[in-house]
Amino acid sequence: VCLRIRPHAGDPWLRRGVSLVPVGV
């Protein structure tokens, strides 16, 4: 879900957050 959100995340902090989630997974 986070990988799907990432390209559409307008907020920089949201984009960073959803980018880090797969790493934590």
PDBML (XML) file of the C-alpha atoms, coordinates in Angstrom:
<?xml version="1.0" encoding="UTF-8" ?>
<PDBx:datablock datablockName="MODEL"
   xmlns:PDBx="http://pdbml.pdb.org/schema/pdbx-v50.xsd"
   xmlns:xsi="http://www.w3.org/2001/XMLSchema-instance"
   xsi:schemaLocation="http://pdbml.pdb.org/schema/pdbx-v50.xsd pdbx-v50.xsd">
   <PDBx:atom_siteCategory>
      <PDBx:atom_site id="1">
         <PDBx:B_iso_or_equiv>0.00</PDBx:B_iso_or_equiv>
         <PDBx:Cartn_x>0.000</PDBx:Cartn_x>
         <PDBx:Cartn_y>0.000</PDBx:Cartn_y>
         <PDBx:Cartn_z>0.000</PDBx:Cartn_z>
         <PDBx:auth_asym_id>A</PDBx:auth_asym_id>
         <PDBx:auth_atom_id>CA</PDBx:auth_atom_id>
         <PDBx:auth_comp_id>VAL</PDBx:auth_comp_id>
         <PDBx:auth_seq_id>1</PDBx:auth_seq_id>
         <PDBx:group_PDB>ATOM</PDBx:group_PDB>
         <PDBx:label_alt_id xsi:nil="true" />
         <PDBx:label_asym_id>A</PDBx:label_asym_id>
         <PDBx:label_atom_id>CA</PDBx:label_atom_id>
         <PDBx:label_comp_id>VAL</PDBx:label_comp_id>
         <PDBx:label_entity_id>1</PDBx:label_entity_id>
         <PDBx:label_seq_id>1</PDBx:label_seq_id>
         <PDBx:occupancy>1.00</PDBx:occupancy>
         <PDBx:pdbx_PDB_model_num>1</PDBx:pdbx_PDB_model_num>
         <PDBx:type_symbol>C</PDBx:type_symbol>
      </PDBx:atom_site>
      <PDBx:atom_site id="2">
         <PDBx:B_iso_or_equiv>0.00</PDBx:B_iso_or_equiv>
         <PDBx:Cartn_x>2.812</PDBx:Cartn_x>
         <PDBx:Cartn_y>2.423</PDBx:Cartn_y>
         <PDBx:Cartn_z>0.869</PDBx:Cartn_z>
         <PDBx:auth_asym_id>A</PDBx:auth_asym_id>
         <PDBx:auth_atom_id>CA</PDBx:auth_atom_id>
         <PDBx:auth_comp_id>CYS</PDBx:auth_comp_id>
         <PDBx:auth_seq_id>2</PDBx:auth_seq_id>
         <PDBx:group_PDB>ATOM</PDBx:group_PDB>
         <PDBx:label_alt_id xsi:nil="true" />
         <PDBx:label_asym_id>A</PDBx:label_asym_id>
         <PDBx:label_atom_id>CA</PDBx:label_atom_id>
         <PDBx:label_comp_id>CYS</PDBx:label_comp_id>
         <PDBx:label_entity_id>1</PDBx:label_entity_id>
         <PDBx:label_seq_id>2</PDBx:label_seq_id>
         <PDBx:occupancy>1.00</PDBx:occupancy>
         <PDBx:pdbx_PDB_model_num>1</PDBx:pdbx_PDB_model_num>
         <PDBx:type_symbol>C</PDBx:type_symbol>
      </PDBx:atom_site>
      <PDBx:atom_site id="3">
         <PDBx:B_iso_or_equiv>0.00</PDBx:B_iso_or_equiv>
         <PDBx:Cartn_x>4.575</PDBx:Cartn_x>
         <PDBx:Cartn_y>1.731</PDBx:Cartn_y>
         <PDBx:Cartn_z>-2.428</PDBx:Cartn_z>
         <PDBx:auth_asym_id>A</PDBx:auth_asym_id>
         <PDBx:auth_atom_id>CA</PDBx:auth_atom_id>
         <PDBx:auth_comp_id>LEU</PDBx:auth_comp_id>
         <PDBx:auth_seq_id>3</PDBx:auth_seq_id>
         <PDBx:group_PDB>ATOM</PDBx:group_PDB>
         <PDBx:label_alt_id xsi:nil="true" />
         <PDBx:label_asym_id>A</PDBx:label_asym_id>
         <PDBx:label_atom_id>CA</PDBx:label_atom_id>
         <PDBx:label_comp_id>LEU</PDBx:label_comp_id>
         <PDBx:label_entity_id>1</PDBx:label_entity_id>
         <PDBx:label_seq_id>3</PDBx:label_seq_id>
         <PDBx:occupancy>1.00</PDBx:occupancy>
         <PDBx:pdbx_PDB_model_num>1</PDBx:pdbx_PDB_model_num>
         <PDBx:type_symbol>C</PDBx:type_symbol>
      </PDBx:atom_site>
      <PDBx:atom_site id="4">
         <PDBx:B_iso_or_equiv>0.00</PDBx:B_iso_or_equiv>
         <PDBx:Cartn_x>1.321</PDBx:Cartn_x>
         <PDBx:Cartn_y>2.482</PDBx:Cartn_y>
         <PDBx:Cartn_z>-4.219</PDBx:Cartn_z>
         <PDBx:auth_asym_id>A</PDBx:auth_asym_id>
         <PDBx:auth_atom_id>CA</PDBx:auth_atom_id>
         <PDBx:auth_comp_id>ARG</PDBx:auth_comp_id>
         <PDBx:auth_seq_id>4</PDBx:auth_seq_id>
         <PDBx:group_PDB>ATOM</PDBx:group_PDB>
         <PDBx:label_alt_id xsi:nil="true" />
         <PDBx:label_asym_id>A</PDBx:label_asym_id>
         <PDBx:label_atom_id>CA</PDBx:label_atom_id>
         <PDBx:label_comp_id>ARG</PDBx:label_comp_id>
         <PDBx:label_entity_id>1</PDBx:label_entity_id>
         <PDBx:label_seq_id>4</PDBx:label_seq_id>
         <PDBx:occupancy>1.00</PDBx:occupancy>
         <PDBx:pdbx_PDB_model_num>1</PDBx:pdbx_PDB_model_num>
         <PDBx:type_symbol>C</PDBx:type_symbol>
      </PDBx:atom_site>
      <PDBx:atom_site id="5">
         <PDBx:B_iso_or_equiv>0.00</PDBx:B_iso_or_equiv>
         <PDBx:Cartn_x>0.854</PDBx:Cartn_x>
         <PDBx:Cartn_y>5.740</PDBx:Cartn_y>
         <PDBx:Cartn_z>-2.293</PDBx:Cartn_z>
         <PDBx:auth_asym_id>A</PDBx:auth_asym_id>
         <PDBx:auth_atom_id>CA</PDBx:auth_atom_id>
         <PDBx:auth_comp_id>ILE</PDBx:auth_comp_id>
         <PDBx:auth_seq_id>5</PDBx:auth_seq_id>
         <PDBx:group_PDB>ATOM</PDBx:group_PDB>
         <PDBx:label_alt_id xsi:nil="true" />
         <PDBx:label_asym_id>A</PDBx:label_asym_id>
         <PDBx:label_atom_id>CA</PDBx:label_atom_id>
         <PDBx:label_comp_id>ILE</PDBx:label_comp_id>
         <PDBx:label_entity_id>1</PDBx:label_entity_id>
         <PDBx:label_seq_id>5</PDBx:label_seq_id>
         <PDBx:occupancy>1.00</PDBx:occupancy>
         <PDBx:pdbx_PDB_model_num>1</PDBx:pdbx_PDB_model_num>
         <PDBx:type_symbol>C</PDBx:type_symbol>
      </PDBx:atom_site>
      <PDBx:atom_site id="6">
         <PDBx:B_iso_or_equiv>0.00</PDBx:B_iso_or_equiv>
         <PDBx:Cartn_x>4.411</PDBx:Cartn_x>
         <PDBx:Cartn_y>7.024</PDBx:Cartn_y>
         <PDBx:Cartn_z>-2.742</PDBx:Cartn_z>
         <PDBx:auth_asym_id>A</PDBx:auth_asym_id>
         <PDBx:auth_atom_id>CA</PDBx:auth_atom_id>
         <PDBx:auth_comp_id>ARG</PDBx:auth_comp_id>
         <PDBx:auth_seq_id>6</PDBx:auth_seq_id>
         <PDBx:group_PDB>ATOM</PDBx:group_PDB>
         <PDBx:label_alt_id xsi:nil="true" />
         <PDBx:label_asym_id>A</PDBx:label_asym_id>
         <PDBx:label_atom_id>CA</PDBx:label_atom_id>
         <PDBx:label_comp_id>ARG</PDBx:label_comp_id>
         <PDBx:label_entity_id>1</PDBx:label_entity_id>
         <PDBx:label_seq_id>6</PDBx:label_seq_id>
         <PDBx:occupancy>1.00</PDBx:occupancy>
         <PDBx:pdbx_PDB_model_num>1</PDBx:pdbx_PDB_model_num>
         <PDBx:type_symbol>C</PDBx:type_symbol>
      </PDBx:atom_site>
      <PDBx:atom_site id="7">
         <PDBx:B_iso_or_equiv>0.00</PDBx:B_iso_or_equiv>
         <PDBx:Cartn_x>4.157</PDBx:Cartn_x>
         <PDBx:Cartn_y>8.428</PDBx:Cartn_y>
         <PDBx:Cartn_z>-6.307</PDBx:Cartn_z>
         <PDBx:auth_asym_id>A</PDBx:auth_asym_id>
         <PDBx:auth_atom_id>CA</PDBx:auth_atom_id>
         <PDBx:auth_comp_id>PRO</PDBx:auth_comp_id>
         <PDBx:auth_seq_id>7</PDBx:auth_seq_id>
         <PDBx:group_PDB>ATOM</PDBx:group_PDB>
         <PDBx:label_alt_id xsi:nil="true" />
         <PDBx:label_asym_id>A</PDBx:label_asym_id>
         <PDBx:label_atom_id>CA</PDBx:label_atom_id>
         <PDBx:label_comp_id>PRO</PDBx:label_comp_id>
         <PDBx:label_entity_id>1</PDBx:label_entity_id>
         <PDBx:label_seq_id>7</PDBx:label_seq_id>
         <PDBx:occupancy>1.00</PDBx:occupancy>
         <PDBx:pdbx_PDB_model_num>1</PDBx:pdbx_PDB_model_num>
         <PDBx:type_symbol>C</PDBx:type_symbol>
      </PDBx:atom_site>
      <PDBx:atom_site id="8">
         <PDBx:B_iso_or_equiv>0.00</PDBx:B_iso_or_equiv>
         <PDBx:Cartn_x>1.022</PDBx:Cartn_x>
         <PDBx:Cartn_y>10.382</PDBx:Cartn_y>
         <PDBx:Cartn_z>-5.356</PDBx:Cartn_z>
         <PDBx:auth_asym_id>A</PDBx:auth_asym_id>
         <PDBx:auth_atom_id>CA</PDBx:auth_atom_id>
         <PDBx:auth_comp_id>HIS</PDBx:auth_comp_id>
         <PDBx:auth_seq_id>8</PDBx:auth_seq_id>
         <PDBx:group_PDB>ATOM</PDBx:group_PDB>
         <PDBx:label_alt_id xsi:nil="true" />
         <PDBx:label_asym_id>A</PDBx:label_asym_id>
         <PDBx:label_atom_id>CA</PDBx:label_atom_id>
         <PDBx:label_comp_id>HIS</PDBx:label_comp_id>
         <PDBx:label_entity_id>1</PDBx:label_entity_id>
         <PDBx:label_seq_id>8</PDBx:label_seq_id>
         <PDBx:occupancy>1.00</PDBx:occupancy>
         <PDBx:pdbx_PDB_model_num>1</PDBx:pdbx_PDB_model_num>
         <PDBx:type_symbol>C</PDBx:type_symbol>
      </PDBx:atom_site>
      <PDBx:atom_site id="9">
         <PDBx:B_iso_or_equiv>0.00</PDBx:B_iso_or_equiv>
         <PDBx:Cartn_x>2.191</PDBx:Cartn_x>
         <PDBx:Cartn_y>11.692</PDBx:Cartn_y>
         <PDBx:Cartn_z>-1.969</PDBx:Cartn_z>
         <PDBx:auth_asym_id>A</PDBx:auth_asym_id>
         <PDBx:auth_atom_id>CA</PDBx:auth_atom_id>
         <PDBx:auth_comp_id>ALA</PDBx:auth_comp_id>
         <PDBx:auth_seq_id>9</PDBx:auth_seq_id>
         <PDBx:group_PDB>ATOM</PDBx:group_PDB>
         <PDBx:label_alt_id xsi:nil="true" />
         <PDBx:label_asym_id>A</PDBx:label_asym_id>
         <PDBx:label_atom_id>CA</PDBx:label_atom_id>
         <PDBx:label_comp_id>ALA</PDBx:label_comp_id>
         <PDBx:label_entity_id>1</PDBx:label_entity_id>
         <PDBx:label_seq_id>9</PDBx:label_seq_id>
         <PDBx:occupancy>1.00</PDBx:occupancy>
         <PDBx:pdbx_PDB_model_num>1</PDBx:pdbx_PDB_model_num>
         <PDBx:type_symbol>C</PDBx:type_symbol>
      </PDBx:atom_site>
      <PDBx:atom_site id="10">
         <PDBx:B_iso_or_equiv>0.00</PDBx:B_iso_or_equiv>
         <PDBx:Cartn_x>2.282</PDBx:Cartn_x>
         <PDBx:Cartn_y>15.479</PDBx:Cartn_y>
         <PDBx:Cartn_z>-2.204</PDBx:Cartn_z>
         <PDBx:auth_asym_id>A</PDBx:auth_asym_id>
         <PDBx:auth_atom_id>CA</PDBx:auth_atom_id>
         <PDBx:auth_comp_id>GLY</PDBx:auth_comp_id>
         <PDBx:auth_seq_id>10</PDBx:auth_seq_id>
         <PDBx:group_PDB>ATOM</PDBx:group_PDB>
         <PDBx:label_alt_id xsi:nil="true" />
         <PDBx:label_asym_id>A</PDBx:label_asym_id>
         <PDBx:label_atom_id>CA</PDBx:label_atom_id>
         <PDBx:label_comp_id>GLY</PDBx:label_comp_id>
         <PDBx:label_entity_id>1</PDBx:label_entity_id>
         <PDBx:label_seq_id>10</PDBx:label_seq_id>
         <PDBx:occupancy>1.00</PDBx:occupancy>
         <PDBx:pdbx_PDB_model_num>1</PDBx:pdbx_PDB_model_num>
         <PDBx:type_symbol>C</PDBx:type_symbol>
      </PDBx:atom_site>
      <PDBx:atom_site id="11">
         <PDBx:B_iso_or_equiv>0.00</PDBx:B_iso_or_equiv>
         <PDBx:Cartn_x>3.568</PDBx:Cartn_x>
         <PDBx:Cartn_y>16.143</PDBx:Cartn_y>
         <PDBx:Cartn_z>1.298</PDBx:Cartn_z>
         <PDBx:auth_asym_id>A</PDBx:auth_asym_id>
         <PDBx:auth_atom_id>CA</PDBx:auth_atom_id>
         <PDBx:auth_comp_id>ASP</PDBx:auth_comp_id>
         <PDBx:auth_seq_id>11</PDBx:auth_seq_id>
         <PDBx:group_PDB>ATOM</PDBx:group_PDB>
         <PDBx:label_alt_id xsi:nil="true" />
         <PDBx:label_asym_id>A</PDBx:label_asym_id>
         <PDBx:label_atom_id>CA</PDBx:label_atom_id>
         <PDBx:label_comp_id>ASP</PDBx:label_comp_id>
         <PDBx:label_entity_id>1</PDBx:label_entity_id>
         <PDBx:label_seq_id>11</PDBx:label_seq_id>
         <PDBx:occupancy>1.00</PDBx:occupancy>
         <PDBx:pdbx_PDB_model_num>1</PDBx:pdbx_PDB_model_num>
         <PDBx:type_symbol>C</PDBx:type_symbol>
      </PDBx:atom_site>
      <PDBx:atom_site id="12">
         <PDBx:B_iso_or_equiv>0.00</PDBx:B_iso_or_equiv>
         <PDBx:Cartn_x>7.372</PDBx:Cartn_x>
         <PDBx:Cartn_y>15.555</PDBx:Cartn_y>
         <PDBx:Cartn_z>1.527</PDBx:Cartn_z>
         <PDBx:auth_asym_id>A</PDBx:auth_asym_id>
         <PDBx:auth_atom_id>CA</PDBx:auth_atom_id>
         <PDBx:auth_comp_id>PRO</PDBx:auth_comp_id>
         <PDBx:auth_seq_id>12</PDBx:auth_seq_id>
         <PDBx:group_PDB>ATOM</PDBx:group_PDB>
         <PDBx:label_alt_id xsi:nil="true" />
         <PDBx:label_asym_id>A</PDBx:label_asym_id>
         <PDBx:label_atom_id>CA</PDBx:label_atom_id>
         <PDBx:label_comp_id>PRO</PDBx:label_comp_id>
         <PDBx:label_entity_id>1</PDBx:label_entity_id>
         <PDBx:label_seq_id>12</PDBx:label_seq_id>
         <PDBx:occupancy>1.00</PDBx:occupancy>
         <PDBx:pdbx_PDB_model_num>1</PDBx:pdbx_PDB_model_num>
         <PDBx:type_symbol>C</PDBx:type_symbol>
      </PDBx:atom_site>
      <PDBx:atom_site id="13">
         <PDBx:B_iso_or_equiv>0.00</PDBx:B_iso_or_equiv>
         <PDBx:Cartn_x>7.146</PDBx:Cartn_x>
         <PDBx:Cartn_y>14.043</PDBx:Cartn_y>
         <PDBx:Cartn_z>5.023</PDBx:Cartn_z>
         <PDBx:auth_asym_id>A</PDBx:auth_asym_id>
         <PDBx:auth_atom_id>CA</PDBx:auth_atom_id>
         <PDBx:auth_comp_id>TRP</PDBx:auth_comp_id>
         <PDBx:auth_seq_id>13</PDBx:auth_seq_id>
         <PDBx:group_PDB>ATOM</PDBx:group_PDB>
         <PDBx:label_alt_id xsi:nil="true" />
         <PDBx:label_asym_id>A</PDBx:label_asym_id>
         <PDBx:label_atom_id>CA</PDBx:label_atom_id>
         <PDBx:label_comp_id>TRP</PDBx:label_comp_id>
         <PDBx:label_entity_id>1</PDBx:label_entity_id>
         <PDBx:label_seq_id>13</PDBx:label_seq_id>
         <PDBx:occupancy>1.00</PDBx:occupancy>
         <PDBx:pdbx_PDB_model_num>1</PDBx:pdbx_PDB_model_num>
         <PDBx:type_symbol>C</PDBx:type_symbol>
      </PDBx:atom_site>
      <PDBx:atom_site id="14">
         <PDBx:B_iso_or_equiv>0.00</PDBx:B_iso_or_equiv>
         <PDBx:Cartn_x>4.406</PDBx:Cartn_x>
         <PDBx:Cartn_y>11.653</PDBx:Cartn_y>
         <PDBx:Cartn_z>3.922</PDBx:Cartn_z>
         <PDBx:auth_asym_id>A</PDBx:auth_asym_id>
         <PDBx:auth_atom_id>CA</PDBx:auth_atom_id>
         <PDBx:auth_comp_id>LEU</PDBx:auth_comp_id>
         <PDBx:auth_seq_id>14</PDBx:auth_seq_id>
         <PDBx:group_PDB>ATOM</PDBx:group_PDB>
         <PDBx:label_alt_id xsi:nil="true" />
         <PDBx:label_asym_id>A</PDBx:label_asym_id>
         <PDBx:label_atom_id>CA</PDBx:label_atom_id>
         <PDBx:label_comp_id>LEU</PDBx:label_comp_id>
         <PDBx:label_entity_id>1</PDBx:label_entity_id>
         <PDBx:label_seq_id>14</PDBx:label_seq_id>
         <PDBx:occupancy>1.00</PDBx:occupancy>
         <PDBx:pdbx_PDB_model_num>1</PDBx:pdbx_PDB_model_num>
         <PDBx:type_symbol>C</PDBx:type_symbol>
      </PDBx:atom_site>
      <PDBx:atom_site id="15">
         <PDBx:B_iso_or_equiv>0.00</PDBx:B_iso_or_equiv>
         <PDBx:Cartn_x>6.505</PDBx:Cartn_x>
         <PDBx:Cartn_y>10.638</PDBx:Cartn_y>
         <PDBx:Cartn_z>0.925</PDBx:Cartn_z>
         <PDBx:auth_asym_id>A</PDBx:auth_asym_id>
         <PDBx:auth_atom_id>CA</PDBx:auth_atom_id>
         <PDBx:auth_comp_id>ARG</PDBx:auth_comp_id>
         <PDBx:auth_seq_id>15</PDBx:auth_seq_id>
         <PDBx:group_PDB>ATOM</PDBx:group_PDB>
         <PDBx:label_alt_id xsi:nil="true" />
         <PDBx:label_asym_id>A</PDBx:label_asym_id>
         <PDBx:label_atom_id>CA</PDBx:label_atom_id>
         <PDBx:label_comp_id>ARG</PDBx:label_comp_id>
         <PDBx:label_entity_id>1</PDBx:label_entity_id>
         <PDBx:label_seq_id>15</PDBx:label_seq_id>
         <PDBx:occupancy>1.00</PDBx:occupancy>
         <PDBx:pdbx_PDB_model_num>1</PDBx:pdbx_PDB_model_num>
         <PDBx:type_symbol>C</PDBx:type_symbol>
      </PDBx:atom_site>
      <PDBx:atom_site id="16">
         <PDBx:B_iso_or_equiv>0.00</PDBx:B_iso_or_equiv>
         <PDBx:Cartn_x>9.513</PDBx:Cartn_x>
         <PDBx:Cartn_y>9.982</PDBx:Cartn_y>
         <PDBx:Cartn_z>3.164</PDBx:Cartn_z>
         <PDBx:auth_asym_id>A</PDBx:auth_asym_id>
         <PDBx:auth_atom_id>CA</PDBx:auth_atom_id>
         <PDBx:auth_comp_id>ARG</PDBx:auth_comp_id>
         <PDBx:auth_seq_id>16</PDBx:auth_seq_id>
         <PDBx:group_PDB>ATOM</PDBx:group_PDB>
         <PDBx:label_alt_id xsi:nil="true" />
         <PDBx:label_asym_id>A</PDBx:label_asym_id>
         <PDBx:label_atom_id>CA</PDBx:label_atom_id>
         <PDBx:label_comp_id>ARG</PDBx:label_comp_id>
         <PDBx:label_entity_id>1</PDBx:label_entity_id>
         <PDBx:label_seq_id>16</PDBx:label_seq_id>
         <PDBx:occupancy>1.00</PDBx:occupancy>
         <PDBx:pdbx_PDB_model_num>1</PDBx:pdbx_PDB_model_num>
         <PDBx:type_symbol>C</PDBx:type_symbol>
      </PDBx:atom_site>
      <PDBx:atom_site id="17">
         <PDBx:B_iso_or_equiv>0.00</PDBx:B_iso_or_equiv>
         <PDBx:Cartn_x>7.370</PDBx:Cartn_x>
         <PDBx:Cartn_y>8.021</PDBx:Cartn_y>
         <PDBx:Cartn_z>5.606</PDBx:Cartn_z>
         <PDBx:auth_asym_id>A</PDBx:auth_asym_id>
         <PDBx:auth_atom_id>CA</PDBx:auth_atom_id>
         <PDBx:auth_comp_id>GLY</PDBx:auth_comp_id>
         <PDBx:auth_seq_id>17</PDBx:auth_seq_id>
         <PDBx:group_PDB>ATOM</PDBx:group_PDB>
         <PDBx:label_alt_id xsi:nil="true" />
         <PDBx:label_asym_id>A</PDBx:label_asym_id>
         <PDBx:label_atom_id>CA</PDBx:label_atom_id>
         <PDBx:label_comp_id>GLY</PDBx:label_comp_id>
         <PDBx:label_entity_id>1</PDBx:label_entity_id>
         <PDBx:label_seq_id>17</PDBx:label_seq_id>
         <PDBx:occupancy>1.00</PDBx:occupancy>
         <PDBx:pdbx_PDB_model_num>1</PDBx:pdbx_PDB_model_num>
         <PDBx:type_symbol>C</PDBx:type_symbol>
      </PDBx:atom_site>
      <PDBx:atom_site id="18">
         <PDBx:B_iso_or_equiv>0.00</PDBx:B_iso_or_equiv>
         <PDBx:Cartn_x>5.771</PDBx:Cartn_x>
         <PDBx:Cartn_y>5.728</PDBx:Cartn_y>
         <PDBx:Cartn_z>3.045</PDBx:Cartn_z>
         <PDBx:auth_asym_id>A</PDBx:auth_asym_id>
         <PDBx:auth_atom_id>CA</PDBx:auth_atom_id>
         <PDBx:auth_comp_id>VAL</PDBx:auth_comp_id>
         <PDBx:auth_seq_id>18</PDBx:auth_seq_id>
         <PDBx:group_PDB>ATOM</PDBx:group_PDB>
         <PDBx:label_alt_id xsi:nil="true" />
         <PDBx:label_asym_id>A</PDBx:label_asym_id>
         <PDBx:label_atom_id>CA</PDBx:label_atom_id>
         <PDBx:label_comp_id>VAL</PDBx:label_comp_id>
         <PDBx:label_entity_id>1</PDBx:label_entity_id>
         <PDBx:label_seq_id>18</PDBx:label_seq_id>
         <PDBx:occupancy>1.00</PDBx:occupancy>
         <PDBx:pdbx_PDB_model_num>1</PDBx:pdbx_PDB_model_num>
         <PDBx:type_symbol>C</PDBx:type_symbol>
      </PDBx:atom_site>
      <PDBx:atom_site id="19">
         <PDBx:B_iso_or_equiv>0.00</PDBx:B_iso_or_equiv>
         <PDBx:Cartn_x>9.199</PDBx:Cartn_x>
         <PDBx:Cartn_y>5.211</PDBx:Cartn_y>
         <PDBx:Cartn_z>1.454</PDBx:Cartn_z>
         <PDBx:auth_asym_id>A</PDBx:auth_asym_id>
         <PDBx:auth_atom_id>CA</PDBx:auth_atom_id>
         <PDBx:auth_comp_id>SER</PDBx:auth_comp_id>
         <PDBx:auth_seq_id>19</PDBx:auth_seq_id>
         <PDBx:group_PDB>ATOM</PDBx:group_PDB>
         <PDBx:label_alt_id xsi:nil="true" />
         <PDBx:label_asym_id>A</PDBx:label_asym_id>
         <PDBx:label_atom_id>CA</PDBx:label_atom_id>
         <PDBx:label_comp_id>SER</PDBx:label_comp_id>
         <PDBx:label_entity_id>1</PDBx:label_entity_id>
         <PDBx:label_seq_id>19</PDBx:label_seq_id>
         <PDBx:occupancy>1.00</PDBx:occupancy>
         <PDBx:pdbx_PDB_model_num>1</PDBx:pdbx_PDB_model_num>
         <PDBx:type_symbol>C</PDBx:type_symbol>
      </PDBx:atom_site>
      <PDBx:atom_site id="20">
         <PDBx:B_iso_or_equiv>0.00</PDBx:B_iso_or_equiv>
         <PDBx:Cartn_x>10.652</PDBx:Cartn_x>
         <PDBx:Cartn_y>3.996</PDBx:Cartn_y>
         <PDBx:Cartn_z>4.759</PDBx:Cartn_z>
         <PDBx:auth_asym_id>A</PDBx:auth_asym_id>
         <PDBx:auth_atom_id>CA</PDBx:auth_atom_id>
         <PDBx:auth_comp_id>LEU</PDBx:auth_comp_id>
         <PDBx:auth_seq_id>20</PDBx:auth_seq_id>
         <PDBx:group_PDB>ATOM</PDBx:group_PDB>
         <PDBx:label_alt_id xsi:nil="true" />
         <PDBx:label_asym_id>A</PDBx:label_asym_id>
         <PDBx:label_atom_id>CA</PDBx:label_atom_id>
         <PDBx:label_comp_id>LEU</PDBx:label_comp_id>
         <PDBx:label_entity_id>1</PDBx:label_entity_id>
         <PDBx:label_seq_id>20</PDBx:label_seq_id>
         <PDBx:occupancy>1.00</PDBx:occupancy>
         <PDBx:pdbx_PDB_model_num>1</PDBx:pdbx_PDB_model_num>
         <PDBx:type_symbol>C</PDBx:type_symbol>
      </PDBx:atom_site>
      <PDBx:atom_site id="21">
         <PDBx:B_iso_or_equiv>0.00</PDBx:B_iso_or_equiv>
         <PDBx:Cartn_x>7.815</PDBx:Cartn_x>
         <PDBx:Cartn_y>1.597</PDBx:Cartn_y>
         <PDBx:Cartn_z>5.596</PDBx:Cartn_z>
         <PDBx:auth_asym_id>A</PDBx:auth_asym_id>
         <PDBx:auth_atom_id>CA</PDBx:auth_atom_id>
         <PDBx:auth_comp_id>VAL</PDBx:auth_comp_id>
         <PDBx:auth_seq_id>21</PDBx:auth_seq_id>
         <PDBx:group_PDB>ATOM</PDBx:group_PDB>
         <PDBx:label_alt_id xsi:nil="true" />
         <PDBx:label_asym_id>A</PDBx:label_asym_id>
         <PDBx:label_atom_id>CA</PDBx:label_atom_id>
         <PDBx:label_comp_id>VAL</PDBx:label_comp_id>
         <PDBx:label_entity_id>1</PDBx:label_entity_id>
         <PDBx:label_seq_id>21</PDBx:label_seq_id>
         <PDBx:occupancy>1.00</PDBx:occupancy>
         <PDBx:pdbx_PDB_model_num>1</PDBx:pdbx_PDB_model_num>
         <PDBx:type_symbol>C</PDBx:type_symbol>
      </PDBx:atom_site>
      <PDBx:atom_site id="22">
         <PDBx:B_iso_or_equiv>0.00</PDBx:B_iso_or_equiv>
         <PDBx:Cartn_x>8.879</PDBx:Cartn_x>
         <PDBx:Cartn_y>-1.104</PDBx:Cartn_y>
         <PDBx:Cartn_z>3.066</PDBx:Cartn_z>
         <PDBx:auth_asym_id>A</PDBx:auth_asym_id>
         <PDBx:auth_atom_id>CA</PDBx:auth_atom_id>
         <PDBx:auth_comp_id>PRO</PDBx:auth_comp_id>
         <PDBx:auth_seq_id>22</PDBx:auth_seq_id>
         <PDBx:group_PDB>ATOM</PDBx:group_PDB>
         <PDBx:label_alt_id xsi:nil="true" />
         <PDBx:label_asym_id>A</PDBx:label_asym_id>
         <PDBx:label_atom_id>CA</PDBx:label_atom_id>
         <PDBx:label_comp_id>PRO</PDBx:label_comp_id>
         <PDBx:label_entity_id>1</PDBx:label_entity_id>
         <PDBx:label_seq_id>22</PDBx:label_seq_id>
         <PDBx:occupancy>1.00</PDBx:occupancy>
         <PDBx:pdbx_PDB_model_num>1</PDBx:pdbx_PDB_model_num>
         <PDBx:type_symbol>C</PDBx:type_symbol>
      </PDBx:atom_site>
      <PDBx:atom_site id="23">
         <PDBx:B_iso_or_equiv>0.00</PDBx:B_iso_or_equiv>
         <PDBx:Cartn_x>12.417</PDBx:Cartn_x>
         <PDBx:Cartn_y>-0.949</PDBx:Cartn_y>
         <PDBx:Cartn_z>4.484</PDBx:Cartn_z>
         <PDBx:auth_asym_id>A</PDBx:auth_asym_id>
         <PDBx:auth_atom_id>CA</PDBx:auth_atom_id>
         <PDBx:auth_comp_id>VAL</PDBx:auth_comp_id>
         <PDBx:auth_seq_id>23</PDBx:auth_seq_id>
         <PDBx:group_PDB>ATOM</PDBx:group_PDB>
         <PDBx:label_alt_id xsi:nil="true" />
         <PDBx:label_asym_id>A</PDBx:label_asym_id>
         <PDBx:label_atom_id>CA</PDBx:label_atom_id>
         <PDBx:label_comp_id>VAL</PDBx:label_comp_id>
         <PDBx:label_entity_id>1</PDBx:label_entity_id>
         <PDBx:label_seq_id>23</PDBx:label_seq_id>
         <PDBx:occupancy>1.00</PDBx:occupancy>
         <PDBx:pdbx_PDB_model_num>1</PDBx:pdbx_PDB_model_num>
         <PDBx:type_symbol>C</PDBx:type_symbol>
      </PDBx:atom_site>
      <PDBx:atom_site id="24">
         <PDBx:B_iso_or_equiv>0.00</PDBx:B_iso_or_equiv>
         <PDBx:Cartn_x>11.096</PDBx:Cartn_x>
         <PDBx:Cartn_y>-1.532</PDBx:Cartn_y>
         <PDBx:Cartn_z>7.990</PDBx:Cartn_z>
         <PDBx:auth_asym_id>A</PDBx:auth_asym_id>
         <PDBx:auth_atom_id>CA</PDBx:auth_atom_id>
         <PDBx:auth_comp_id>GLY</PDBx:auth_comp_id>
         <PDBx:auth_seq_id>24</PDBx:auth_seq_id>
         <PDBx:group_PDB>ATOM</PDBx:group_PDB>
         <PDBx:label_alt_id xsi:nil="true" />
         <PDBx:label_asym_id>A</PDBx:label_asym_id>
         <PDBx:label_atom_id>CA</PDBx:label_atom_id>
         <PDBx:label_comp_id>GLY</PDBx:label_comp_id>
         <PDBx:label_entity_id>1</PDBx:label_entity_id>
         <PDBx:label_seq_id>24</PDBx:label_seq_id>
         <PDBx:occupancy>1.00</PDBx:occupancy>
         <PDBx:pdbx_PDB_model_num>1</PDBx:pdbx_PDB_model_num>
         <PDBx:type_symbol>C</PDBx:type_symbol>
      </PDBx:atom_site>
      <PDBx:atom_site id="25">
         <PDBx:B_iso_or_equiv>0.00</PDBx:B_iso_or_equiv>
         <PDBx:Cartn_x>8.916</PDBx:Cartn_x>
         <PDBx:Cartn_y>-4.350</PDBx:Cartn_y>
         <PDBx:Cartn_z>6.691</PDBx:Cartn_z>
         <PDBx:auth_asym_id>A</PDBx:auth_asym_id>
         <PDBx:auth_atom_id>CA</PDBx:auth_atom_id>
         <PDBx:auth_comp_id>VAL</PDBx:auth_comp_id>
         <PDBx:auth_seq_id>25</PDBx:auth_seq_id>
         <PDBx:group_PDB>ATOM</PDBx:group_PDB>
         <PDBx:label_alt_id xsi:nil="true" />
         <PDBx:label_asym_id>A</PDBx:label_asym_id>
         <PDBx:label_atom_id>CA</PDBx:label_atom_id>
         <PDBx:label_comp_id>VAL</PDBx:label_comp_id>
         <PDBx:label_entity_id>1</PDBx:label_entity_id>
         <PDBx:label_seq_id>25</PDBx:label_seq_id>
         <PDBx:occupancy>1.00</PDBx:occupancy>
         <PDBx:pdbx_PDB_model_num>1</PDBx:pdbx_PDB_model_num>
         <PDBx:type_symbol>C</PDBx:type_symbol>
      </PDBx:atom_site>
   </PDBx:atom_siteCategory>
</PDBx:datablock>
